[in-house]
PDB file of N, CA and C in Angstrom:
ATOM      1  N   MET A   1     151.879  35.489 -25.036  1.00  0.00           N
ATOM      2  CA  MET A   1     151.107  36.278 -24.099  1.00  0.00           C
ATOM      3  C   MET A   1     151.745  36.137 -22.716  1.00  0.00           C
ATOM      4  N   THR A   2     151.922  37.230 -22.047  1.00  0.00           N
ATOM      5  CA  THR A   2     152.538  37.199 -20.721  1.00  0.00           C
ATOM      6  C   THR A   2     151.514  36.807 -19.666  1.00  0.00           C
ATOM      7  N   ASP A   3     152.004  36.415 -18.499  1.00  0.00           N
ATOM      8  CA  ASP A   3     151.109  36.067 -17.397  1.00  0.00           C
ATOM      9  C   ASP A   3     150.257  37.261 -16.986  1.00  0.00           C
ATOM     10  N   ASP A   4     150.846  38.471 -17.026  1.00  0.00           N
ATOM     11  CA  ASP A   4     150.086  39.675 -16.680  1.00  0.00           C
ATOM     12  C   ASP A   4     148.940  39.892 -17.655  1.00  0.00           C
ATOM     13  N   THR A   5     149.182  39.656 -18.937  1.00  0.00           N
ATOM     14  CA  THR A   5     148.138  39.822 -19.949  1.00  0.00           C
ATOM     15  C   THR A   5     147.044  38.783 -19.752  1.00  0.00           C
ATOM     16  N   THR A   6     147.428  37.560 -19.491  1.00  0.00           N
ATOM     17  CA  THR A   6     146.463  36.487 -19.259  1.00  0.00           C
ATOM     18  C   THR A   6     145.600  36.802 -18.046  1.00  0.00           C
ATOM     19  N   GLU A   7     146.228  37.237 -16.980  1.00  0.00           N
ATOM     20  CA  GLU A   7     145.482  37.573 -15.755  1.00  0.00           C
ATOM     21  C   GLU A   7     144.563  38.760 -15.987  1.00  0.00           C
ATOM     22  N   ALA A   8     145.021  39.757 -16.712  1.00  0.00           N
ATOM     23  CA  ALA A   8     144.189  40.928 -16.998  1.00  0.00           C
ATOM     24  C   ALA A   8     142.959  40.528 -17.824  1.00  0.00           C
ATOM     25  N   ARG A   9     143.138  39.641 -18.787  1.00  0.00           N
ATOM     26  CA  ARG A   9     142.005  39.178 -19.600  1.00  0.00           C
ATOM     27  C   ARG A   9     141.033  38.363 -18.762  1.00  0.00           C
ATOM     28  N   ARG A  10     141.552  37.532 -17.882  1.00  0.00           N
ATOM     29  CA  ARG A  10     140.699  36.746 -16.998  1.00  0.00           C
ATOM     30  C   ARG A  10     139.877  37.646 -16.094  1.00  0.00           C
ATOM     31  N   GLU A  11     140.521  38.667 -15.535  1.00  0.00           N
ATOM     32  CA  GLU A  11     139.812  39.606 -14.670  1.00  0.00           C
ATOM     33  C   GLU A  11     138.743  40.364 -15.448  1.00  0.00           C
ATOM     34  N   GLN A  12     139.052  40.777 -16.673  1.00  0.00           N
ATOM     35  CA  GLN A  12     138.074  41.485 -17.504  1.00  0.00           C
ATOM     36  C   GLN A  12     136.900  40.567 -17.846  1.00  0.00           C
ATOM     37  N   PHE A  13     137.198  39.316 -18.167  1.00  0.00           N
ATOM     38  CA  PHE A  13     136.153  38.336 -18.465  1.00  0.00           C
ATOM     39  C   PHE A  13     135.222  38.164 -17.266  1.00  0.00           C
ATOM     40  N   LEU A  14     135.784  38.013 -16.075  1.00  0.00           N
ATOM     41  CA  LEU A  14     134.961  37.867 -14.873  1.00  0.00           C
ATOM     42  C   LEU A  14     134.145  39.127 -14.581  1.00  0.00           C
ATOM     43  N   ARG A  15     134.745  40.301 -14.812  1.00  0.00           N
ATOM     44  CA  ARG A  15     133.995  41.558 -14.631  1.00  0.00           C
ATOM     45  C   ARG A  15     132.819  41.623 -15.591  1.00  0.00           C
ATOM     46  N   THR A  16     133.050  41.238 -16.839  1.00  0.00           N
ATOM     47  CA  THR A  16     131.978  41.250 -17.836  1.00  0.00           C
ATOM     48  C   THR A  16     130.865  40.293 -17.447  1.00  0.00           C
ATOM     49  N   LEU A  17     131.231  39.079 -17.031  1.00  0.00           N
ATOM     50  CA  LEU A  17     130.212  38.117 -16.603  1.00  0.00           C
ATOM     51  C   LEU A  17     129.442  38.622 -15.388  1.00  0.00           C
ATOM     52  N   THR A  18     130.161  39.219 -14.448  1.00  0.00           N
ATOM     53  CA  THR A  18     129.507  39.756 -13.252  1.00  0.00           C
ATOM     54  C   THR A  18     128.537  40.874 -13.624  1.00  0.00           C
ATOM     55  N   ASP A  19     128.937  41.748 -14.530  1.00  0.00           N
ATOM     56  CA  ASP A  19     128.043  42.820 -14.988  1.00  0.00           C
ATOM     57  C   ASP A  19     126.787  42.250 -15.650  1.00  0.00           C
ATOM     58  N   MET A  20     126.975  41.214 -16.484  1.00  0.00           N
ATOM     59  CA  MET A  20     125.820  40.579 -17.133  1.00  0.00           C
ATOM     60  C   MET A  20     124.888  39.961 -16.090  1.00  0.00           C
ATOM     61  N   ALA A  21     125.468  39.241 -15.142  1.00  0.00           N
ATOM     62  CA  ALA A  21     124.658  38.605 -14.098  1.00  0.00           C
ATOM     63  C   ALA A  21     123.926  39.646 -13.265  1.00  0.00           C
ATOM     64  N   ASP A  22     124.609  40.730 -12.932  1.00  0.00           N
ATOM     65  CA  ASP A  22     123.969  41.800 -12.159  1.00  0.00           C
ATOM     66  C   ASP A  22     122.797  42.400 -12.940  1.00  0.00           C
ATOM     67  N   ALA A  23     122.977  42.604 -14.244  1.00  0.00           N
ATOM     68  CA  ALA A  23     121.896  43.148 -15.069  1.00  0.00           C
ATOM     69  C   ALA A  23     120.725  42.170 -15.146  1.00  0.00           C
ATOM     70  N   ASN A  24     121.018  40.887 -15.227  1.00  0.00           N
ATOM     71  CA  ASN A  24     119.953  39.880 -15.313  1.00  0.00           C
ATOM     72  C   ASN A  24     119.256  39.635 -13.983  1.00  0.00           C
ATOM     73  N   MET A  25     119.838  40.096 -12.894  1.00  0.00           N
ATOM     74  CA  MET A  25     119.208  39.948 -11.582  1.00  0.00           C
ATOM     75  C   MET A  25     117.817  40.581 -11.576  1.00  0.00           C
ATOM     76  N   ALA A  26     117.646  41.664 -12.318  1.00  0.00           N
ATOM     77  CA  ALA A  26     116.350  42.339 -12.372  1.00  0.00           C
ATOM     78  C   ALA A  26     115.265  41.453 -12.978  1.00  0.00           C
ATOM     79  N   LEU A  27     115.656  40.450 -13.760  1.00  0.00           N
ATOM     80  CA  LEU A  27     114.689  39.547 -14.380  1.00  0.00           C
ATOM     81  C   LEU A  27     114.227  38.430 -13.448  1.00  0.00           C
ATOM     82  N   MET A  28     114.992  38.180 -12.400  1.00  0.00           N
ATOM     83  CA  MET A  28     114.695  37.074 -11.495  1.00  0.00           C
ATOM     84  C   MET A  28     113.433  37.382 -10.693  1.00  0.00           C
ATOM     85  N   ASP A  29     112.498  36.447 -10.740  1.00  0.00           N
ATOM     86  CA  ASP A  29     111.205  36.669 -10.086  1.00  0.00           C
ATOM     87  C   ASP A  29     110.862  35.589  -9.053  1.00  0.00           C
ATOM     88  N   GLY A  30     111.843  34.771  -8.681  1.00  0.00           N
ATOM     89  CA  GLY A  30     111.605  33.725  -7.704  1.00  0.00           C
ATOM     90  C   GLY A  30     111.168  32.402  -8.328  1.00  0.00           C
ATOM     91  N   THR A  31     111.006  32.382  -9.649  1.00  0.00           N
ATOM     92  CA  THR A  31     110.665  31.142 -10.343  1.00  0.00           C
ATOM     93  C   THR A  31     111.852  30.730 -11.217  1.00  0.00           C
ATOM     94  N   THR A  32     111.733  29.577 -11.848  1.00  0.00           N
ATOM     95  CA  THR A  32     112.795  29.125 -12.754  1.00  0.00           C
ATOM     96  C   THR A  32     112.630  29.677 -14.166  1.00  0.00           C
ATOM     97  N   ALA A  33     111.518  30.322 -14.451  1.00  0.00           N
ATOM     98  CA  ALA A  33     111.237  30.813 -15.804  1.00  0.00           C
ATOM     99  C   ALA A  33     112.336  31.726 -16.360  1.00  0.00           C
ATOM    100  N   PRO A  34     112.858  32.687 -15.578  1.00  0.00           N
ATOM    101  CA  PRO A  34     113.914  33.536 -16.133  1.00  0.00           C
ATOM    102  C   PRO A  34     115.181  32.754 -16.497  1.00  0.00           C
ATOM    103  N   PHE A  35     115.542  31.752 -15.693  1.00  0.00           N
ATOM    104  CA  PHE A  35     116.690  30.903 -16.018  1.00  0.00           C
ATOM    105  C   PHE A  35     116.478  30.238 -17.372  1.00  0.00           C
ATOM    106  N   GLU A  36     115.319  29.590 -17.521  1.00  0.00           N
ATOM    107  CA  GLU A  36     115.005  28.886 -18.762  1.00  0.00           C
ATOM    108  C   GLU A  36     115.049  29.819 -19.961  1.00  0.00           C
ATOM    109  N   LYS A  37     114.439  30.975 -19.813  1.00  0.00           N
ATOM    110  CA  LYS A  37     114.358  31.945 -20.915  1.00  0.00           C
ATOM    111  C   LYS A  37     115.749  32.417 -21.328  1.00  0.00           C
ATOM    112  N   LEU A  38     116.592  32.784 -20.367  1.00  0.00           N
ATOM    113  CA  LEU A  38     117.934  33.263 -20.683  1.00  0.00           C
ATOM    114  C   LEU A  38     118.766  32.171 -21.352  1.00  0.00           C
ATOM    115  N   ILE A  39     118.654  30.946 -20.872  1.00  0.00           N
ATOM    116  CA  ILE A  39     119.403  29.849 -21.477  1.00  0.00           C
ATOM    117  C   ILE A  39     118.910  29.579 -22.899  1.00  0.00           C
ATOM    118  N   ARG A  40     117.614  29.611 -23.099  1.00  0.00           N
ATOM    119  CA  ARG A  40     117.027  29.358 -24.417  1.00  0.00           C
ATOM    120  C   ARG A  40     117.395  30.462 -25.421  1.00  0.00           C
ATOM    121  N   GLU A  41     117.523  31.697 -24.961  1.00  0.00           N
ATOM    122  CA  GLU A  41     117.726  32.828 -25.866  1.00  0.00           C
ATOM    123  C   GLU A  41     119.189  33.166 -26.159  1.00  0.00           C
ATOM    124  N   HIS A  42     120.145  32.465 -25.540  1.00  0.00           N
ATOM    125  CA  HIS A  42     121.560  32.773 -25.746  1.00  0.00           C
ATOM    126  C   HIS A  42     122.340  31.538 -26.157  1.00  0.00           C
ATOM    127  N   ASP A  43     123.413  31.774 -26.892  1.00  0.00           N
ATOM    128  CA  ASP A  43     124.263  30.679 -27.350  1.00  0.00           C
ATOM    129  C   ASP A  43     125.170  30.152 -26.245  1.00  0.00           C
ATOM    130  N   ILE A  44     125.693  31.060 -25.438  1.00  0.00           N
ATOM    131  CA  ILE A  44     126.599  30.691 -24.348  1.00  0.00           C
ATOM    132  C   ILE A  44     126.080  31.335 -23.074  1.00  0.00           C
ATOM    133  N   VAL A  45     125.918  30.525 -22.023  1.00  0.00           N
ATOM    134  CA  VAL A  45     125.375  31.042 -20.758  1.00  0.00           C
ATOM    135  C   VAL A  45     126.240  30.543 -19.604  1.00  0.00           C
ATOM    136  N   PHE A  46     126.595  31.469 -18.726  1.00  0.00           N
ATOM    137  CA  PHE A  46     127.352  31.140 -17.518  1.00  0.00           C
ATOM    138  C   PHE A  46     126.502  31.426 -16.295  1.00  0.00           C
ATOM    139  N   GLY A  47     126.641  30.599 -15.281  1.00  0.00           N
ATOM    140  CA  GLY A  47     126.121  30.908 -13.961  1.00  0.00           C
ATOM    141  C   GLY A  47     127.256  31.566 -13.195  1.00  0.00           C
ATOM    142  N   VAL A  48     126.970  32.632 -12.477  1.00  0.00           N
ATOM    143  CA  VAL A  48     127.995  33.403 -11.762  1.00  0.00           C
ATOM    144  C   VAL A  48     127.542  33.606 -10.318  1.00  0.00           C
ATOM    145  N   TRP A  49     128.476  33.430  -9.387  1.00  0.00           N
ATOM    146  CA  TRP A  49     128.163  33.650  -7.972  1.00  0.00           C
ATOM    147  C   TRP A  49     129.392  34.190  -7.260  1.00  0.00           C
ATOM    148  N   HIS A  50     129.145  34.825  -6.137  1.00  0.00           N
ATOM    149  CA  HIS A  50     130.231  35.372  -5.330  1.00  0.00           C
ATOM    150  C   HIS A  50     130.824  34.262  -4.473  1.00  0.00           C
ATOM    151  N   ASP A  51     132.149  34.185  -4.478  1.00  0.00           N
ATOM    152  CA  ASP A  51     132.862  33.170  -3.699  1.00  0.00           C
ATOM    153  C   ASP A  51     134.227  33.744  -3.333  1.00  0.00           C
ATOM    154  N   ASP A  52     134.377  34.105  -2.079  1.00  0.00           N
ATOM    155  CA  ASP A  52     135.610  34.759  -1.627  1.00  0.00           C
ATOM    156  C   ASP A  52     136.837  33.860  -1.669  1.00  0.00           C
ATOM    157  N   THR A  53     136.650  32.568  -1.923  1.00  0.00           N
ATOM    158  CA  THR A  53     137.811  31.676  -2.009  1.00  0.00           C
ATOM    159  C   THR A  53     138.479  31.733  -3.382  1.00  0.00           C
ATOM    160  N   PHE A  54     137.863  32.427  -4.354  1.00  0.00           N
ATOM    161  CA  PHE A  54     138.424  32.553  -5.696  1.00  0.00           C
ATOM    162  C   PHE A  54     139.002  33.950  -5.896  1.00  0.00           C
ATOM    163  N   PRO A  55     140.033  34.065  -6.730  1.00  0.00           N
ATOM    164  CA  PRO A  55     140.590  35.389  -7.037  1.00  0.00           C
ATOM    165  C   PRO A  55     139.494  36.293  -7.594  1.00  0.00           C
ATOM    166  N   GLY A  56     139.404  37.482  -7.088  1.00  0.00           N
ATOM    167  CA  GLY A  56     138.372  38.413  -7.518  1.00  0.00           C
ATOM    168  C   GLY A  56     137.032  38.203  -6.836  1.00  0.00           C
ATOM    169  N   GLY A  57     136.909  37.140  -6.031  1.00  0.00           N
ATOM    170  CA  GLY A  57     135.689  36.901  -5.276  1.00  0.00           C
ATOM    171  C   GLY A  57     134.513  36.405  -6.093  1.00  0.00           C
ATOM    172  N   VAL A  58     134.767  35.920  -7.316  1.00  0.00           N
ATOM    173  CA  VAL A  58     133.692  35.464  -8.199  1.00  0.00           C
ATOM    174  C   VAL A  58     134.103  34.141  -8.830  1.00  0.00           C
ATOM    175  N   ASP A  59     133.130  33.236  -8.963  1.00  0.00           N
ATOM    176  CA  ASP A  59     133.365  32.003  -9.698  1.00  0.00           C
ATOM    177  C   ASP A  59     132.244  31.859 -10.712  1.00  0.00           C
ATOM    178  N   ARG A  60     132.442  30.936 -11.664  1.00  0.00           N
ATOM    179  CA  ARG A  60     131.443  30.749 -12.705  1.00  0.00           C
ATOM    180  C   ARG A  60     131.451  29.297 -13.160  1.00  0.00           C
ATOM    181  N   HIS A  61     130.326  28.930 -13.811  1.00  0.00           N
ATOM    182  CA  HIS A  61     130.156  27.590 -14.371  1.00  0.00           C
ATOM    183  C   HIS A  61     129.398  27.748 -15.678  1.00  0.00           C
ATOM    184  N   LYS A  62     129.880  27.121 -16.749  1.00  0.00           N
ATOM    185  CA  LYS A  62     129.184  27.227 -18.040  1.00  0.00           C
ATOM    186  C   LYS A  62     127.916  26.393 -17.975  1.00  0.00           C
ATOM    187  N   LEU A  63     126.774  27.021 -18.250  1.00  0.00           N
ATOM    188  CA  LEU A  63     125.490  26.336 -18.226  1.00  0.00           C
ATOM    189  C   LEU A  63     125.134  25.789 -19.595  1.00  0.00           C
ATOM    190  N   ALA A  64     125.455  26.542 -20.633  1.00  0.00           N
ATOM    191  CA  ALA A  64     125.068  26.122 -21.978  1.00  0.00           C
ATOM    192  C   ALA A  64     126.025  26.695 -23.001  1.00  0.00           C
ATOM    193  N   GLU A  65     126.289  25.905 -24.012  1.00  0.00           N
ATOM    194  CA  GLU A  65     127.046  26.335 -25.181  1.00  0.00           C
ATOM    195  C   GLU A  65     126.416  25.599 -26.344  1.00  0.00           C
ATOM    196  N   CYS A  66     125.473  26.237 -26.954  1.00  0.00           N
ATOM    197  CA  CYS A  66     124.597  25.578 -27.922  1.00  0.00           C
ATOM    198  C   CYS A  66     125.263  25.326 -29.263  1.00  0.00           C
ATOM    199  N   GLY A  67     126.020  24.255 -29.332  1.00  0.00           N
ATOM    200  CA  GLY A  67     126.582  23.815 -30.595  1.00  0.00           C
ATOM    201  C   GLY A  67     127.643  24.708 -31.188  1.00  0.00           C
ATOM    202  N   ILE A  68     128.268  25.535 -30.385  1.00  0.00           N
ATOM    203  CA  ILE A  68     129.283  26.442 -30.908  1.00  0.00           C
ATOM    204  C   ILE A  68     130.654  25.846 -30.646  1.00  0.00           C
ATOM    205  N   ALA A  69     131.414  25.680 -31.700  1.00  0.00           N
ATOM    206  CA  ALA A  69     132.777  25.148 -31.572  1.00  0.00           C
ATOM    207  C   ALA A  69     133.726  26.319 -31.353  1.00  0.00           C
ATOM    208  N   GLY A  70     133.832  26.762 -30.118  1.00  0.00           N
ATOM    209  CA  GLY A  70     134.668  27.920 -29.815  1.00  0.00           C
ATOM    210  C   GLY A  70     133.838  29.192 -29.827  1.00  0.00           C
ATOM    211  N   THR A  71     134.279  30.169 -29.098  1.00  0.00           N
ATOM    212  CA  THR A  71     133.551  31.427 -29.016  1.00  0.00           C
ATOM    213  C   THR A  71     133.759  32.237 -30.284  1.00  0.00           C
ATOM    214  N   THR A  72     132.694  32.759 -30.817  1.00  0.00           N
ATOM    215  CA  THR A  72     132.772  33.611 -31.996  1.00  0.00           C
ATOM    216  C   THR A  72     132.202  34.975 -31.668  1.00  0.00           C
ATOM    217  N   LEU A  73     132.473  35.917 -32.535  1.00  0.00           N
ATOM    218  CA  LEU A  73     131.961  37.272 -32.309  1.00  0.00           C
ATOM    219  C   LEU A  73     130.444  37.336 -32.445  1.00  0.00           C
ATOM    220  N   THR A  74     129.861  36.378 -33.160  1.00  0.00           N
ATOM    221  CA  THR A  74     128.419  36.420 -33.358  1.00  0.00           C
ATOM    222  C   THR A  74     127.646  35.629 -32.308  1.00  0.00           C
ATOM    223  N   ALA A  75     128.330  34.930 -31.428  1.00  0.00           N
ATOM    224  CA  ALA A  75     127.648  34.167 -30.385  1.00  0.00           C
ATOM    225  C   ALA A  75     127.096  35.111 -29.335  1.00  0.00           C
ATOM    226  N   SER A  76     125.830  34.924 -28.986  1.00  0.00           N
ATOM    227  CA  SER A  76     125.264  35.741 -27.917  1.00  0.00           C
ATOM    228  C   SER A  76     125.596  35.080 -26.586  1.00  0.00           C
ATOM    229  N   THR A  77     126.093  35.884 -25.676  1.00  0.00           N
ATOM    230  CA  THR A  77     126.549  35.377 -24.378  1.00  0.00           C
ATOM    231  C   THR A  77     125.876  36.154 -23.270  1.00  0.00           C
ATOM    232  N   THR A  78     125.549  35.458 -22.191  1.00  0.00           N
ATOM    233  CA  THR A  78     125.032  36.134 -21.012  1.00  0.00           C
ATOM    234  C   THR A  78     125.450  35.360 -19.767  1.00  0.00           C
ATOM    235  N   ALA A  79     125.162  35.929 -18.632  1.00  0.00           N
ATOM    236  CA  ALA A  79     125.457  35.293 -17.350  1.00  0.00           C
ATOM    237  C   ALA A  79     124.239  35.426 -16.449  1.00  0.00           C
ATOM    238  N   ILE A  80     123.996  34.395 -15.678  1.00  0.00           N
ATOM    239  CA  ILE A  80     122.858  34.340 -14.773  1.00  0.00           C
ATOM    240  C   ILE A  80     123.374  34.358 -13.341  1.00  0.00           C
ATOM    241  N   PRO A  81     122.789  35.195 -12.480  1.00  0.00           N
ATOM    242  CA  PRO A  81     123.231  35.196 -11.083  1.00  0.00           C
ATOM    243  C   PRO A  81     122.796  33.917 -10.388  1.00  0.00           C
ATOM    244  N   CYS A  82     123.731  33.277  -9.705  1.00  0.00           N
ATOM    245  CA  CYS A  82     123.451  32.059  -8.945  1.00  0.00           C
ATOM    246  C   CYS A  82     123.887  32.288  -7.499  1.00  0.00           C
ATOM    247  N   THR A  83     123.333  31.508  -6.607  1.00  0.00           N
ATOM    248  CA  THR A  83     123.710  31.643  -5.202  1.00  0.00           C
ATOM    249  C   THR A  83     124.978  30.860  -4.885  1.00  0.00           C
ATOM    250  N   GLU A  84     125.222  29.779  -5.659  1.00  0.00           N
ATOM    251  CA  GLU A  84     126.387  28.921  -5.411  1.00  0.00           C
ATOM    252  C   GLU A  84     126.589  27.997  -6.600  1.00  0.00           C
ATOM    253  N   ARG A  85     127.703  27.271  -6.583  1.00  0.00           N
ATOM    254  CA  ARG A  85     128.041  26.345  -7.669  1.00  0.00           C
ATOM    255  C   ARG A  85     126.928  25.309  -7.885  1.00  0.00           C
ATOM    256  N   GLU A  86     126.367  24.775  -6.826  1.00  0.00           N
ATOM    257  CA  GLU A  86     125.354  23.738  -6.947  1.00  0.00           C
ATOM    258  C   GLU A  86     124.133  24.223  -7.723  1.00  0.00           C
ATOM    259  N   GLN A  87     123.749  25.481  -7.542  1.00  0.00           N
ATOM    260  CA  GLN A  87     122.619  26.029  -8.287  1.00  0.00           C
ATOM    261  C   GLN A  87     122.965  26.125  -9.770  1.00  0.00           C
ATOM    262  N   ALA A  88     124.186  26.535 -10.082  1.00  0.00           N
ATOM    263  CA  ALA A  88     124.614  26.625 -11.484  1.00  0.00           C
ATOM    264  C   ALA A  88     124.636  25.242 -12.131  1.00  0.00           C
ATOM    265  N   ILE A  89     125.131  24.255 -11.413  1.00  0.00           N
ATOM    266  CA  ILE A  89     125.182  22.893 -11.946  1.00  0.00           C
ATOM    267  C   ILE A  89     123.765  22.358 -12.177  1.00  0.00           C
ATOM    268  N   ALA A  90     122.866  22.623 -11.243  1.00  0.00           N
ATOM    269  CA  ALA A  90     121.479  22.181 -11.394  1.00  0.00           C
ATOM    270  C   ALA A  90     120.826  22.834 -12.611  1.00  0.00           C
ATOM    271  N   ALA A  91     121.058  24.125 -12.815  1.00  0.00           N
ATOM    272  CA  ALA A  91     120.501  24.815 -13.985  1.00  0.00           C
ATOM    273  C   ALA A  91     121.059  24.224 -15.267  1.00  0.00           C
ATOM    274  N   ALA A  92     122.345  23.914 -15.271  1.00  0.00           N
ATOM    275  CA  ALA A  92     122.959  23.299 -16.456  1.00  0.00           C
ATOM    276  C   ALA A  92     122.334  21.939 -16.737  1.00  0.00           C
ATOM    277  N   GLN A  93     122.069  21.175 -15.696  1.00  0.00           N
ATOM    278  CA  GLN A  93     121.480  19.847 -15.869  1.00  0.00           C
ATOM    279  C   GLN A  93     120.031  19.931 -16.358  1.00  0.00           C
ATOM    280  N   LEU A  94     119.293  20.923 -15.884  1.00  0.00           N
ATOM    281  CA  LEU A  94     117.887  21.061 -16.266  1.00  0.00           C
ATOM    282  C   LEU A  94     117.705  21.645 -17.656  1.00  0.00           C
ATOM    283  N   TRP A  95     118.444  22.722 -17.973  1.00  0.00           N
ATOM    284  CA  TRP A  95     118.174  23.456 -19.209  1.00  0.00           C
ATOM    285  C   TRP A  95     119.367  23.620 -20.121  1.00  0.00           C
ATOM    286  N   GLY A  96     120.529  23.237 -19.672  1.00  0.00           N
ATOM    287  CA  GLY A  96     121.729  23.445 -20.469  1.00  0.00           C
ATOM    288  C   GLY A  96     121.935  22.350 -21.499  1.00  0.00           C
ATOM    289  N   ASP A  97     123.108  22.387 -22.100  1.00  0.00           N
ATOM    290  CA  ASP A  97     123.477  21.389 -23.099  1.00  0.00           C
ATOM    291  C   ASP A  97     123.508  20.012 -22.471  1.00  0.00           C
ATOM    292  N   LYS A  98     122.988  19.070 -23.152  1.00  0.00           N
ATOM    293  CA  LYS A  98     122.999  17.686 -22.669  1.00  0.00           C
ATOM    294  C   LYS A  98     124.392  17.064 -22.848  1.00  0.00           C
ATOM    295  N   ASP A  99     125.229  17.669 -23.708  1.00  0.00           N
ATOM    296  CA  ASP A  99     126.579  17.145 -23.965  1.00  0.00           C
ATOM    297  C   ASP A  99     127.592  17.619 -22.949  1.00  0.00           C
ATOM    298  N   ASN A 100     127.295  18.662 -22.177  1.00  0.00           N
ATOM    299  CA  ASN A 100     128.258  19.229 -21.236  1.00  0.00           C
ATOM    300  C   ASN A 100     128.017  18.705 -19.837  1.00  0.00           C
TER     301      ASN A 100
END
């Protein structure tokens, strides 16, 4: 795989996560309930936030990967909008995998 292909896949992955997080923004109601629900209902969950210091202006942190050894086509994945890395880490500590 060339560096261009790797970078293109990374950019597509970040776009997909950003789209998921943007769609889930409508579920946010100012409580932690939507975070808990999304983490409980998906196999793989990322926290996503805007950060201009990263390529593409977006960074992410894996919140949960419920017993899946590698990503599979049947794994349900979503992304949760976060304000910053610390919020994503806190969500992972509260509701994410205890092994991660």
